[in-house]
N, C-alpha and C. Protein backbone atom coordinates (compact mmCIF):
# COMPACT_ATOMS: atom_id res chain seq x y z
N MET A 1 5.35 -13.63 -15.51
CA MET A 1 6.49 -12.67 -15.04
C MET A 1 5.55 -10.95 -15.37
N ARG A 2 6.20 -10.16 -14.28
CA ARG A 2 5.98 -8.96 -13.17
C ARG A 2 6.18 -7.83 -14.86
N THR A 3 4.91 -7.09 -14.83
CA THR A 3 4.58 -5.98 -15.67
C THR A 3 5.29 -4.63 -15.09
N LYS A 4 5.22 -3.69 -16.19
CA LYS A 4 5.08 -2.42 -14.81
C LYS A 4 4.82 -1.48 -16.58
N ARG A 5 4.17 -0.08 -14.89
CA ARG A 5 3.24 0.51 -16.07
C ARG A 5 2.79 1.89 -14.85
N ILE A 6 4.32 3.15 -15.06
CA ILE A 6 3.64 4.34 -14.66
C ILE A 6 4.22 5.72 -15.84
N GLN A 7 4.04 6.78 -15.73
CA GLN A 7 4.64 8.27 -16.26
C GLN A 7 3.93 9.17 -16.22
N ASN A 8 5.61 10.04 -16.39
CA ASN A 8 5.14 11.25 -15.89
C ASN A 8 4.97 11.49 -13.80
N ASN A 9 5.09 10.24 -13.14
CA ASN A 9 4.99 10.81 -11.65
C ASN A 9 3.21 10.55 -11.44
N GLN A 10 2.53 9.11 -12.42
CA GLN A 10 1.50 9.62 -12.58
C GLN A 10 1.06 7.39 -13.20
N ILE A 11 0.35 7.49 -11.85
CA ILE A 11 0.26 5.46 -12.62
C ILE A 11 -1.21 5.11 -13.59
N MET A 12 -2.06 6.42 -13.41
CA MET A 12 -3.01 6.56 -13.79
C MET A 12 -3.93 7.81 -14.34
N CYS A 13 -4.79 7.68 -15.01
CA CYS A 13 -5.23 9.11 -15.92
C CYS A 13 -6.43 9.83 -14.85
N GLU A 14 -6.28 10.78 -15.17
CA GLU A 14 -7.42 11.81 -14.22
C GLU A 14 -8.76 11.14 -13.99
N SER A 15 -9.53 10.51 -15.27
CA SER A 15 -10.92 9.72 -15.33
C SER A 15 -10.40 7.71 -14.44
N GLU A 16 -8.99 7.58 -14.61
CA GLU A 16 -8.94 6.10 -13.88
C GLU A 16 -8.94 6.62 -12.10
N LYS A 17 -8.07 7.21 -11.59
CA LYS A 17 -8.42 7.97 -10.64
C LYS A 17 -9.64 8.49 -10.09
N LYS A 18 -10.76 8.87 -11.00
CA LYS A 18 -12.09 9.39 -10.22
C LYS A 18 -12.63 7.54 -9.98
N ASP A 19 -12.72 6.56 -10.55
CA ASP A 19 -12.97 5.53 -10.60
C ASP A 19 -12.55 4.98 -9.63
N PHE A 20 -11.29 4.93 -9.77
CA PHE A 20 -10.78 3.84 -8.27
C PHE A 20 -10.49 4.42 -7.12
N SER A 21 -11.02 5.84 -6.49
CA SER A 21 -11.13 6.96 -5.87
C SER A 21 -13.31 6.47 -5.17
N THR A 22 -13.84 5.70 -6.12
CA THR A 22 -15.58 5.66 -5.71
C THR A 22 -15.40 3.95 -5.45
N ILE A 23 -14.04 3.53 -6.53
CA ILE A 23 -14.51 1.79 -6.17
C ILE A 23 -14.44 1.11 -4.40
N ILE A 24 -12.84 2.61 -4.58
CA ILE A 24 -11.41 1.85 -3.21
C ILE A 24 -12.60 2.04 -2.01
N ARG A 25 -13.49 2.32 -2.31
CA ARG A 25 -14.28 2.55 -0.76
C ARG A 25 -15.18 2.03 -0.59
N THR A 26 -15.60 0.55 -1.54
CA THR A 26 -16.52 0.21 -1.41
C THR A 26 -15.49 -1.64 -0.95
N MET A 27 -14.40 -1.59 -0.99
CA MET A 27 -13.32 -2.74 -0.50
C MET A 27 -12.90 -2.74 0.14
N PRO A 28 -12.68 -2.69 1.37
CA PRO A 28 -12.51 -2.08 3.06
C PRO A 28 -11.64 -3.02 3.33
N TRP A 29 -11.72 -4.44 3.07
CA TRP A 29 -10.67 -5.47 2.74
C TRP A 29 -9.60 -5.42 2.47
N LEU A 30 -8.99 -4.67 1.09
CA LEU A 30 -8.06 -3.53 0.49
C LEU A 30 -7.03 -3.07 1.45
N TYR A 31 -7.63 -2.68 2.87
CA TYR A 31 -6.64 -1.77 3.57
C TYR A 31 -6.87 -2.61 5.11
N SER A 32 -7.20 -4.01 5.23
CA SER A 32 -7.73 -4.37 6.84
C SER A 32 -6.29 -4.62 7.13
N PRO A 33 -4.78 -5.16 5.88
CA PRO A 33 -4.06 -5.76 6.58
C PRO A 33 -2.88 -5.05 7.53
N ILE A 34 -3.11 -3.87 7.02
CA ILE A 34 -2.45 -2.58 7.74
C ILE A 34 -3.34 -2.15 8.90
N LEU A 35 -4.47 -2.04 8.74
CA LEU A 35 -4.84 -1.66 9.95
C LEU A 35 -5.11 -2.57 10.99
N GLN A 36 -4.90 -4.15 10.47
CA GLN A 36 -4.61 -5.18 12.11
C GLN A 36 -2.78 -5.27 11.68
N GLY A 37 -2.20 -4.43 11.31
CA GLY A 37 -0.59 -3.80 11.64
C GLY A 37 -0.49 -2.72 13.36
N LEU A 38 -1.21 -2.02 13.29
CA LEU A 38 -1.61 -1.31 14.11
C LEU A 38 -1.91 -1.89 15.66
N LYS A 39 -1.28 -1.30 16.47
CA LYS A 39 -1.87 -1.87 17.85
C LYS A 39 -2.90 -0.90 17.92
N ASN A 40 -3.37 -1.35 19.36
CA ASN A 40 -4.63 -0.77 19.65
C ASN A 40 -4.89 0.62 20.15
N LYS A 41 -3.78 1.30 20.72
CA LYS A 41 -3.86 2.96 21.04
C LYS A 41 -2.70 3.46 20.25
N GLU A 42 -2.54 3.15 19.84
CA GLU A 42 -1.33 4.87 18.70
C GLU A 42 -1.63 6.04 18.87
N GLU A 43 -0.61 6.67 19.02
CA GLU A 43 -0.03 7.69 19.74
C GLU A 43 1.77 7.98 18.60
N GLY A 44 1.39 9.23 18.67
CA GLY A 44 2.41 9.82 18.07
C GLY A 44 2.12 10.17 16.26
N THR A 45 2.86 9.69 15.36
CA THR A 45 2.93 10.44 14.17
C THR A 45 3.29 9.50 13.49
N LEU A 46 2.01 9.51 11.87
CA LEU A 46 2.23 8.31 10.93
C LEU A 46 1.92 9.44 9.75
N CYS A 47 2.54 8.34 8.85
CA CYS A 47 2.65 8.82 7.42
C CYS A 47 2.24 7.60 6.34
N ASP A 48 1.19 8.39 5.80
CA ASP A 48 0.95 7.17 5.10
C ASP A 48 2.09 7.48 3.69
N VAL A 49 3.28 6.57 2.81
CA VAL A 49 3.68 7.10 2.05
C VAL A 49 2.62 6.26 0.67
N ALA A 50 2.81 6.73 -0.38
CA ALA A 50 2.24 6.91 -2.06
C ALA A 50 0.28 6.68 -1.18
N CYS A 51 0.79 7.29 -0.75
CA CYS A 51 -1.07 7.74 -0.10
C CYS A 51 -2.46 7.58 -0.72
N GLY A 52 -2.27 8.04 -2.10
CA GLY A 52 -3.44 8.02 -3.24
C GLY A 52 -4.04 8.93 -2.50
N ASP A 53 -5.67 8.89 -2.35
CA ASP A 53 -6.65 10.32 -2.60
C ASP A 53 -6.83 10.13 -0.23
N GLY A 54 -6.24 9.12 -0.18
CA GLY A 54 -6.73 9.66 1.62
C GLY A 54 -7.03 8.51 2.31
N CYS A 55 -7.54 7.74 1.18
CA CYS A 55 -8.95 6.95 1.42
C CYS A 55 -8.32 5.91 3.24
N LEU A 56 -6.82 5.38 3.38
CA LEU A 56 -6.64 4.61 4.21
C LEU A 56 -5.91 5.56 5.35
N LEU A 57 -5.69 7.15 5.35
CA LEU A 57 -5.39 7.87 6.40
C LEU A 57 -7.41 8.28 7.14
N GLU A 58 -8.02 8.05 6.22
CA GLU A 58 -9.16 8.43 6.80
C GLU A 58 -9.90 7.31 7.70
N LEU A 59 -9.52 5.64 7.61
CA LEU A 59 -9.54 4.42 8.55
C LEU A 59 -8.70 4.58 9.20
N ILE A 60 -7.59 4.68 9.29
CA ILE A 60 -6.51 4.72 10.28
C ILE A 60 -7.13 5.78 11.53
N ASN A 61 -7.64 6.78 10.56
CA ASN A 61 -8.00 8.29 12.44
C ASN A 61 -9.33 7.81 12.36
N LYS A 62 -10.22 6.99 12.01
CA LYS A 62 -11.46 6.41 12.56
C LYS A 62 -11.17 5.31 14.04
N LYS A 63 -9.84 4.75 14.05
CA LYS A 63 -9.32 3.64 14.64
C LYS A 63 -8.50 4.06 15.54
N HIS A 64 -7.78 5.25 15.81
CA HIS A 64 -6.72 6.37 16.31
C HIS A 64 -6.61 7.92 15.86
N PRO A 65 -8.05 8.21 17.06
CA PRO A 65 -7.46 9.67 15.94
C PRO A 65 -6.73 10.11 17.60
N ASN A 66 -5.84 9.97 18.22
CA ASN A 66 -4.51 10.25 18.17
C ASN A 66 -3.49 10.39 18.01
N LEU A 67 -3.07 10.08 16.73
CA LEU A 67 -2.85 9.74 15.78
C LEU A 67 -2.28 11.24 14.73
N LYS A 68 -1.24 11.46 14.58
CA LYS A 68 -1.23 12.81 13.69
C LYS A 68 -0.80 12.33 13.01
N LEU A 69 -2.15 12.78 11.63
CA LEU A 69 -1.66 11.83 9.92
C LEU A 69 -1.12 12.36 9.06
N ASN A 70 -0.31 12.61 8.81
CA ASN A 70 0.51 12.51 6.89
C ASN A 70 0.60 12.31 6.50
N GLY A 71 0.43 12.40 5.01
CA GLY A 71 0.47 11.50 3.60
C GLY A 71 1.41 12.21 2.74
N ILE A 72 1.92 10.69 1.84
CA ILE A 72 2.81 11.69 0.42
C ILE A 72 2.58 10.57 -0.55
N ASP A 73 2.15 11.46 -1.56
CA ASP A 73 2.17 10.94 -3.58
C ASP A 73 3.15 11.47 -4.27
N ILE A 74 3.48 10.34 -5.05
CA ILE A 74 3.96 11.14 -6.07
C ILE A 74 3.38 12.18 -6.97
N ASP A 75 2.48 11.71 -6.91
CA ASP A 75 0.73 12.10 -7.85
C ASP A 75 0.46 13.78 -7.20
N LYS A 76 0.56 14.73 -8.19
CA LYS A 76 0.22 16.01 -7.36
C LYS A 76 -1.25 16.05 -7.33
N GLU A 77 -2.40 15.04 -8.25
CA GLU A 77 -3.40 15.39 -8.62
C GLU A 77 -4.04 14.54 -7.30
N PHE A 78 -3.67 13.24 -7.16
CA PHE A 78 -3.95 13.49 -5.79
C PHE A 78 -3.71 13.21 -4.18
N ILE A 79 -2.60 14.06 -4.44
CA ILE A 79 -2.55 15.23 -2.99
C ILE A 79 -3.76 16.24 -3.59
N SER A 80 -3.94 16.78 -4.17
CA SER A 80 -4.80 17.73 -4.88
C SER A 80 -6.14 17.25 -4.43
N CYS A 81 -6.47 16.30 -4.66
CA CYS A 81 -7.84 15.18 -4.01
C CYS A 81 -8.08 15.36 -2.64
N ALA A 82 -6.74 14.58 -2.14
CA ALA A 82 -7.13 14.53 -0.47
C ALA A 82 -6.93 16.06 0.46
N LYS A 83 -6.42 17.02 -0.05
CA LYS A 83 -6.04 17.68 0.71
C LYS A 83 -7.51 18.29 0.85
N LYS A 84 -8.90 18.39 -0.63
CA LYS A 84 -9.75 18.64 0.01
C LYS A 84 -10.99 17.91 0.62
N ASN A 85 -10.87 16.36 0.73
CA ASN A 85 -11.20 15.38 1.35
C ASN A 85 -10.98 15.11 2.90
N PHE A 86 -9.93 15.59 3.46
CA PHE A 86 -9.34 15.16 4.57
C PHE A 86 -8.46 16.36 4.98
N PRO A 87 -8.36 16.62 6.37
CA PRO A 87 -7.79 18.01 7.07
C PRO A 87 -6.19 16.70 7.34
N PHE A 88 -5.82 16.16 7.31
CA PHE A 88 -4.53 15.32 7.47
C PHE A 88 -3.62 16.32 6.88
N ASN A 89 -2.25 16.72 6.95
CA ASN A 89 -1.11 16.99 6.36
C ASN A 89 -1.22 15.63 4.72
N PHE A 90 -1.31 16.88 3.39
CA PHE A 90 -0.48 16.43 2.85
C PHE A 90 0.86 17.24 1.94
N LYS A 91 1.51 16.49 1.20
CA LYS A 91 2.41 16.36 0.87
C LYS A 91 3.07 16.14 -0.69
N LYS A 92 2.87 16.45 -1.64
CA LYS A 92 3.42 15.71 -3.15
C LYS A 92 5.36 15.29 -2.43
N GLU A 93 5.82 14.72 -2.62
CA GLU A 93 6.66 14.18 -2.75
C GLU A 93 6.83 12.38 -3.02
N ASP A 94 8.32 12.66 -3.37
CA ASP A 94 8.56 11.52 -3.82
C ASP A 94 10.04 10.50 -2.39
N ALA A 95 8.92 9.03 -3.18
CA ALA A 95 9.41 8.48 -1.12
C ALA A 95 10.60 8.91 -0.90
N PHE A 96 11.92 8.19 -2.00
CA PHE A 96 13.47 7.84 -1.56
C PHE A 96 13.76 9.80 -1.99
N LYS A 97 13.15 10.46 -0.85
CA LYS A 97 13.43 11.35 -0.94
C LYS A 97 13.16 12.29 0.37
N MET A 98 12.38 11.54 0.76
CA MET A 98 11.72 11.94 1.71
C MET A 98 12.42 12.28 2.86
N LYS A 99 12.96 13.19 4.63
CA LYS A 99 13.48 13.54 5.23
C LYS A 99 13.28 13.45 6.36
N ASP A 100 11.73 13.73 6.37
CA ASP A 100 11.47 13.90 7.43
C ASP A 100 10.70 12.70 8.21
N LYS A 101 10.58 12.86 9.74
CA LYS A 101 10.85 11.11 10.00
C LYS A 101 9.54 11.33 11.34
N PHE A 102 9.11 9.81 11.31
CA PHE A 102 8.01 9.24 11.70
C PHE A 102 7.80 8.36 12.03
N ASP A 103 6.98 8.14 13.86
CA ASP A 103 6.72 7.12 13.97
C ASP A 103 6.24 6.10 13.60
N ILE A 104 5.64 5.56 12.82
CA ILE A 104 5.24 4.76 11.68
C ILE A 104 4.73 5.37 10.05
N ILE A 105 5.26 4.14 9.65
CA ILE A 105 5.06 4.82 7.72
C ILE A 105 4.89 4.00 7.78
N THR A 106 3.15 3.05 6.49
CA THR A 106 2.91 2.92 6.23
C THR A 106 3.02 2.74 4.32
N LEU A 107 2.44 1.60 3.83
CA LEU A 107 3.17 1.32 2.45
C LEU A 107 2.30 0.70 2.00
N ASN A 108 0.69 0.85 1.83
CA ASN A 108 0.11 0.26 1.03
C ASN A 108 -0.74 -0.28 -0.19
N LEU A 109 -1.04 -1.38 -0.87
CA LEU A 109 -1.09 -1.80 -2.24
C LEU A 109 -0.16 -0.28 -2.79
N ALA A 110 1.08 -0.75 -2.54
CA ALA A 110 1.97 0.55 -3.82
C ALA A 110 3.46 -0.02 -4.24
N LEU A 111 3.42 -0.84 -3.11
CA LEU A 111 5.67 -1.52 -3.41
C LEU A 111 5.86 -1.90 -4.79
N HIS A 112 5.04 -2.26 -5.29
CA HIS A 112 4.85 -3.39 -7.24
C HIS A 112 4.89 -1.86 -8.07
N HIS A 113 5.00 -0.66 -7.47
CA HIS A 113 5.01 0.81 -7.94
C HIS A 113 6.62 0.65 -8.31
N PHE A 114 7.57 0.70 -7.04
CA PHE A 114 8.88 0.64 -7.03
C PHE A 114 9.70 -0.04 -7.78
N ASP A 115 10.20 0.14 -8.43
CA ASP A 115 11.19 -1.11 -9.15
C ASP A 115 12.66 -1.83 -8.29
N ASN A 116 12.84 -0.68 -7.36
CA ASN A 116 13.81 -0.99 -6.30
C ASN A 116 13.59 -0.75 -4.67
N PRO A 117 12.51 -2.38 -4.33
CA PRO A 117 11.93 -1.66 -3.53
C PRO A 117 12.76 -2.03 -2.11
N ARG A 118 13.99 -3.06 -2.30
CA ARG A 118 14.58 -3.30 -0.83
C ARG A 118 15.57 -2.33 -0.72
N LYS A 119 15.85 -0.94 -1.76
CA LYS A 119 16.10 0.16 -1.17
C LYS A 119 15.33 0.97 -1.02
N LEU A 120 14.12 0.84 -1.22
CA LEU A 120 13.01 1.64 -0.89
C LEU A 120 12.79 1.72 0.67
N ILE A 121 12.50 0.17 1.20
CA ILE A 121 12.29 -0.52 2.27
C ILE A 121 13.46 0.42 3.28
N LYS A 122 14.81 0.30 3.05
CA LYS A 122 16.11 0.82 4.16
C LYS A 122 16.11 1.60 3.95
N HIS A 123 15.45 2.97 2.99
CA HIS A 123 14.54 4.23 3.35
C HIS A 123 13.69 4.69 4.39
N LEU A 124 12.69 3.95 3.92
CA LEU A 124 11.92 3.96 4.98
C LEU A 124 12.02 3.62 6.61
N LEU A 125 12.93 2.52 6.65
CA LEU A 125 13.55 2.45 7.96
C LEU A 125 13.72 3.42 8.13
N SER A 126 15.31 3.97 7.91
CA SER A 126 15.71 5.08 8.15
C SER A 126 15.29 6.16 8.70
N ILE A 127 13.85 7.10 8.87
CA ILE A 127 12.85 7.19 8.49
C ILE A 127 11.84 7.63 9.43
N THR A 128 11.59 5.91 10.02
CA THR A 128 11.01 5.20 10.91
C THR A 128 10.87 5.45 12.07
N LYS A 129 10.49 5.89 13.20
CA LYS A 129 10.83 5.84 14.63
C LYS A 129 10.61 4.51 15.02
N LYS A 130 9.03 3.88 14.83
CA LYS A 130 8.78 2.78 15.60
C LYS A 130 8.55 1.33 14.44
N THR A 131 8.04 1.80 13.92
CA THR A 131 7.68 0.77 13.21
C THR A 131 6.95 1.30 11.82
N LEU A 132 8.04 0.08 11.03
CA LEU A 132 7.40 0.84 9.08
C LEU A 132 5.86 -1.03 9.15
N ILE A 133 5.02 -0.57 8.73
CA ILE A 133 3.79 -2.22 7.89
C ILE A 133 3.93 -1.27 6.35
N ILE A 134 3.53 -2.74 5.70
CA ILE A 134 3.09 -2.66 4.29
C ILE A 134 2.89 -4.08 3.68
N SER A 135 1.64 -3.62 2.61
CA SER A 135 1.25 -4.95 2.73
C SER A 135 0.63 -4.76 1.20
N ASP A 136 0.30 -5.24 0.54
CA ASP A 136 0.79 -5.60 -1.33
C ASP A 136 -0.17 -6.58 -1.55
N GLN A 137 -0.64 -6.27 -2.18
CA GLN A 137 -1.28 -8.46 -3.65
C GLN A 137 -0.09 -8.20 -3.75
N LEU A 138 -0.44 -9.30 -4.11
CA LEU A 138 0.55 -10.65 -4.75
C LEU A 138 0.34 -11.38 -6.07
N ARG A 139 1.06 -11.33 -7.18
CA ARG A 139 0.47 -11.93 -8.72
C ARG A 139 0.84 -13.53 -8.39
N PRO A 140 0.04 -13.97 -8.85
CA PRO A 140 -0.03 -15.75 -8.95
C PRO A 140 0.99 -16.04 -9.91
N GLU A 141 1.75 -17.25 -8.75
CA GLU A 141 3.18 -18.00 -9.87
C GLU A 141 2.74 -18.21 -11.00
N ILE A 142 1.47 -18.61 -10.56
CA ILE A 142 0.97 -19.30 -12.59
C ILE A 142 0.11 -18.72 -13.05
N GLU A 143 -0.26 -18.81 -14.46
CA GLU A 143 -1.10 -18.51 -14.96
C GLU A 143 -2.97 -19.26 -14.57
N THR A 144 -3.16 -20.63 -14.78
CA THR A 144 -3.95 -20.70 -14.25
C THR A 144 -4.40 -19.47 -13.03
N GLU A 145 -4.13 -20.31 -11.73
CA GLU A 145 -4.32 -19.13 -10.78
C GLU A 145 -4.18 -17.55 -11.23
N LEU A 146 -3.87 -17.03 -11.93
CA LEU A 146 -4.31 -15.68 -12.03
C LEU A 146 -5.97 -15.67 -12.70
N TYR A 147 -6.00 -16.41 -13.88
CA TYR A 147 -7.32 -16.77 -14.47
C TYR A 147 -8.07 -16.85 -13.50
N GLN A 148 -8.26 -17.59 -12.50
CA GLN A 148 -9.06 -18.48 -11.38
C GLN A 148 -9.73 -16.72 -10.44
N ARG A 149 -8.32 -16.18 -10.10
CA ARG A 149 -8.46 -15.18 -9.09
C ARG A 149 -9.07 -13.62 -10.00
N LEU A 150 -8.81 -13.67 -11.49
CA LEU A 150 -9.89 -13.12 -11.26
C LEU A 150 -11.32 -13.26 -11.70
N GLU A 151 -11.47 -14.50 -11.66
CA GLU A 151 -13.19 -15.02 -12.08
C GLU A 151 -14.12 -14.92 -10.62
N LYS A 152 -12.88 -15.54 -9.61
CA LYS A 152 -13.32 -14.69 -8.28
C LYS A 152 -13.64 -13.49 -7.64
N ARG A 153 -13.01 -12.53 -8.39
CA ARG A 153 -12.90 -11.52 -7.95
C ARG A 153 -14.09 -10.68 -8.56
N LYS A 154 -14.48 -11.06 -9.40
CA LYS A 154 -16.02 -10.78 -10.33
C LYS A 154 -16.90 -10.90 -9.35
N LYS A 155 -17.06 -12.28 -9.00
CA LYS A 155 -18.17 -12.89 -8.07
C LYS A 155 -17.66 -11.95 -6.89
N LEU A 156 -16.71 -12.14 -6.21
CA LEU A 156 -17.01 -10.86 -5.17
C LEU A 156 -17.20 -9.35 -5.02
N VAL A 157 -16.98 -8.66 -6.56
CA VAL A 157 -17.30 -7.05 -6.30
C VAL A 157 -18.39 -6.75 -7.11
N GLY A 158 -19.05 -8.19 -7.69
CA GLY A 158 -20.31 -7.80 -8.45
C GLY A 158 -20.36 -6.32 -9.38
N ASN A 159 -21.52 -5.79 -8.75
CA ASN A 159 -22.03 -4.54 -9.86
C ASN A 159 -21.23 -3.12 -9.17
N ASN A 160 -19.76 -3.47 -8.46
CA ASN A 160 -19.12 -2.46 -7.70
C ASN A 160 -18.15 -2.02 -9.48
N GLU A 161 -18.24 -2.41 -10.48
CA GLU A 161 -17.25 -2.42 -10.90
C GLU A 161 -17.70 -1.53 -12.36
N THR A 162 -16.36 -0.60 -12.56
CA THR A 162 -16.69 0.35 -13.96
C THR A 162 -16.04 -0.71 -14.91
N ASP A 163 -16.68 0.09 -16.02
CA ASP A 163 -15.88 -0.13 -17.68
C ASP A 163 -13.69 -0.79 -17.39
N TYR A 164 -13.52 0.58 -16.82
CA TYR A 164 -12.26 0.90 -17.24
C TYR A 164 -11.77 0.11 -15.84
N TYR A 165 -11.89 -0.59 -14.88
CA TYR A 165 -11.74 -1.62 -13.95
C TYR A 165 -11.67 -2.59 -14.42
N ASP A 166 -13.15 -3.04 -15.50
CA ASP A 166 -12.56 -4.52 -15.36
C ASP A 166 -11.55 -5.32 -16.03
N GLU A 167 -11.81 -4.07 -17.32
CA GLU A 167 -10.86 -4.67 -18.24
C GLU A 167 -9.03 -4.31 -17.79
N ASN A 168 -9.11 -3.18 -16.58
CA ASN A 168 -8.13 -2.88 -16.51
C ASN A 168 -7.25 -4.26 -15.17
N GLU A 169 -8.01 -4.78 -15.03
CA GLU A 169 -7.70 -5.65 -13.36
C GLU A 169 -6.39 -6.80 -13.75
N LYS A 170 -6.78 -7.06 -14.36
CA LYS A 170 -6.00 -8.51 -14.76
C LYS A 170 -4.35 -7.44 -15.47
N GLU A 171 -4.17 -6.00 -15.89
CA GLU A 171 -2.70 -5.46 -16.23
C GLU A 171 -2.32 -5.15 -14.64
N SER A 172 -3.21 -4.91 -14.08
CA SER A 172 -2.73 -4.57 -12.27
C SER A 172 -2.24 -5.54 -11.80
N ILE A 173 -3.31 -6.45 -11.25
CA ILE A 173 -2.57 -8.08 -10.81
C ILE A 173 -0.59 -8.24 -11.49
N LEU A 174 -0.98 -7.60 -12.74
CA LEU A 174 0.36 -8.42 -13.12
C LEU A 174 1.88 -7.38 -13.11
N GLU A 175 1.34 -6.05 -12.75
CA GLU A 175 2.00 -5.67 -12.17
C GLU A 175 3.41 -6.32 -10.39
N ALA A 176 2.68 -6.95 -9.94
CA ALA A 176 2.79 -6.92 -8.36
C ALA A 176 3.48 -8.10 -8.77
N TYR A 177 4.18 -7.52 -7.49
CA TYR A 177 5.28 -8.80 -6.97
C TYR A 177 4.47 -9.62 -6.51
N SER A 178 5.45 -10.95 -6.80
CA SER A 178 4.71 -12.69 -6.86
C SER A 178 5.83 -12.93 -5.08
N GLU A 179 4.86 -13.85 -5.05
CA GLU A 179 5.32 -14.88 -3.59
C GLU A 179 6.22 -14.86 -3.22
N SER A 180 7.05 -15.25 -4.38
CA SER A 180 8.50 -15.48 -3.84
C SER A 180 9.70 -14.63 -3.66
N GLU A 181 9.49 -13.43 -5.04
CA GLU A 181 10.14 -12.75 -4.76
C GLU A 181 9.82 -11.63 -3.47
N ILE A 182 8.70 -11.62 -3.21
CA ILE A 182 8.37 -11.06 -1.46
C ILE A 182 9.04 -11.69 -0.84
N LYS A 183 9.25 -12.78 -0.85
CA LYS A 183 10.14 -13.20 0.17
C LYS A 183 11.45 -12.51 -0.11
N GLU A 184 12.04 -13.39 -1.12
CA GLU A 184 12.93 -12.44 -1.20
C GLU A 184 13.67 -10.82 -1.11
N ILE A 185 12.11 -9.78 -1.31
CA ILE A 185 12.96 -9.14 -0.98
C ILE A 185 13.10 -8.65 0.40
N PHE A 186 12.23 -9.25 1.32
CA PHE A 186 12.36 -9.09 2.76
C PHE A 186 13.05 -9.63 3.36
N LYS A 187 13.66 -10.38 2.91
CA LYS A 187 15.31 -11.21 3.32
C LYS A 187 16.39 -10.29 4.03
N GLY A 188 16.18 -10.45 5.00
CA GLY A 188 17.11 -10.46 6.21
C GLY A 188 17.00 -8.70 6.68
N PHE A 189 15.32 -8.15 6.72
CA PHE A 189 14.57 -7.53 7.33
C PHE A 189 14.61 -7.82 8.92
N ASN A 190 14.54 -8.84 9.26
CA ASN A 190 14.27 -9.37 10.78
C ASN A 190 12.92 -8.93 11.03
N CYS A 191 11.94 -8.96 10.61
CA CYS A 191 10.65 -9.57 10.16
C CYS A 191 10.49 -10.38 9.51
N LYS A 192 8.82 -10.38 10.07
CA LYS A 192 8.27 -12.01 9.75
C LYS A 192 7.33 -11.53 8.42
N VAL A 193 6.89 -11.87 7.34
CA VAL A 193 5.64 -12.08 6.52
C VAL A 193 4.67 -13.01 6.42
N LYS A 194 3.46 -11.48 6.75
CA LYS A 194 2.43 -12.98 6.44
C LYS A 194 1.39 -12.51 5.51
N PHE A 195 1.39 -13.97 4.81
CA PHE A 195 0.74 -14.28 3.99
C PHE A 195 -0.84 -14.04 4.28
N VAL A 196 -1.42 -13.75 4.00
CA VAL A 196 -3.50 -13.64 3.75
C VAL A 196 -3.67 -13.95 2.68
N ASP A 197 -5.12 -15.02 2.61
CA ASP A 197 -5.82 -15.16 1.54
C ASP A 197 -7.61 -15.60 1.87
N ASN A 198 -7.92 -13.80 1.92
CA ASN A 198 -9.54 -13.11 2.75
C ASN A 198 -10.32 -13.22 1.62
N ASP A 199 -9.57 -12.56 0.08
CA ASP A 199 -10.67 -12.00 -0.48
C ASP A 199 -10.09 -12.34 -2.08
N TYR A 200 -9.78 -12.25 -3.05
CA TYR A 200 -9.36 -12.57 -4.15
C TYR A 200 -8.60 -12.94 -4.54
N TYR A 201 -7.91 -12.05 -3.77
CA TYR A 201 -6.16 -12.37 -4.56
C TYR A 201 -5.71 -12.80 -2.74
N LYS A 202 -4.22 -12.92 -3.62
CA LYS A 202 -3.60 -13.37 -1.87
C LYS A 202 -2.23 -12.28 -1.69
N ARG A 203 -2.24 -11.45 -0.35
CA ARG A 203 -2.17 -10.64 0.06
C ARG A 203 -0.85 -10.71 1.56
N PHE A 204 0.02 -10.23 1.48
CA PHE A 204 0.67 -9.92 1.86
C PHE A 204 0.77 -9.15 3.35
N VAL A 205 1.64 -8.86 4.55
CA VAL A 205 1.68 -7.70 5.22
C VAL A 205 3.05 -8.03 6.20
N CYS A 206 3.86 -7.06 5.80
CA CYS A 206 4.94 -7.17 6.93
C CYS A 206 4.59 -5.94 7.49
N VAL A 207 5.12 -6.33 9.25
CA VAL A 207 5.63 -5.29 10.48
C VAL A 207 6.79 -5.05 10.55
N ILE A 208 7.33 -4.21 10.13
CA ILE A 208 8.53 -3.65 10.98
C ILE A 208 9.18 -3.02 12.00
N ASN A 209 9.55 -4.04 13.29
CA ASN A 209 9.84 -3.08 14.41
C ASN A 209 11.09 -2.55 14.45
N LYS A 210 10.90 -1.20 14.67
CA LYS A 210 12.15 -0.49 14.49
C LYS A 210 13.87 -1.01 15.56
N GLU A 211 12.88 -1.66 17.28
CA GLU A 211 13.10 -2.12 18.15
C GLU A 211 14.25 -3.26 18.29
N ASP A 212 13.33 -4.06 17.47
CA ASP A 212 13.62 -5.26 16.57
C ASP A 212 15.27 -5.57 16.44
N LEU A 213 15.40 -4.48 14.91
CA LEU A 213 16.68 -3.82 14.47
C LEU A 213 17.52 -3.45 15.26
N ASN A 214 17.14 -3.06 16.09
CA ASN A 214 17.85 -2.60 16.80
C ASN A 214 18.50 -3.22 18.63
N ASN A 215 17.88 -4.09 18.74
CA ASN A 215 18.91 -5.25 19.38
C ASN A 215 19.01 -6.38 18.89
N GLU A 216 18.76 -6.38 17.42
CA GLU A 216 19.80 -7.36 16.62
C GLU A 216 21.55 -6.47 15.60
N ASP A 217 21.28 -5.44 16.17
CA ASP A 217 22.46 -4.72 16.18
C ASP A 217 23.45 -4.91 17.38
N ASP A 218 23.06 -4.86 18.59
CA ASP A 218 23.24 -5.09 20.02
C ASP A 218 24.48 -6.26 19.76
């Protein structure tokens, strides 16, 4: 059963964010599905929704220096941190209230924070000029798989953990959508959802091209 924890427009307290920002940089595989979803020579504007401290944009900039990068997050402390660390354009904003249009929009490890994901996807598509790329981890369908993956995670991550992060990992994965739920969420968007199982959690990535949607309407 999926759980949820978000209060006062924050998913973490200050100490948790500090741990998160440190640990996340030791786990490059968390960003691989999004990076692989981008084409070789991307240009134009890109906005990372729920950008956190801006780590994904840092990685995108290294591979795609011609992109004009933007990030939005509802958490003002994450945005403050991102502005201090990177020269990109960051703004505190509710994803559902975004009006600016971008060539590419990314959403990584954040879909599970939204109660109405289909509504969010439709809104993001309305402000996407070319491509929307979404990736997130998946909640195991059965309890035995959950514990197997938590053990696998411990072995893979090793000493990179903190007490906080280790204790809260089970709670974190229970917030995610399951594979069957993801299939339902993306039904009707004329896109292929790819499921990958390269580290300790199964993840999905979905690339939605506006051109494909427009051709479907013709």
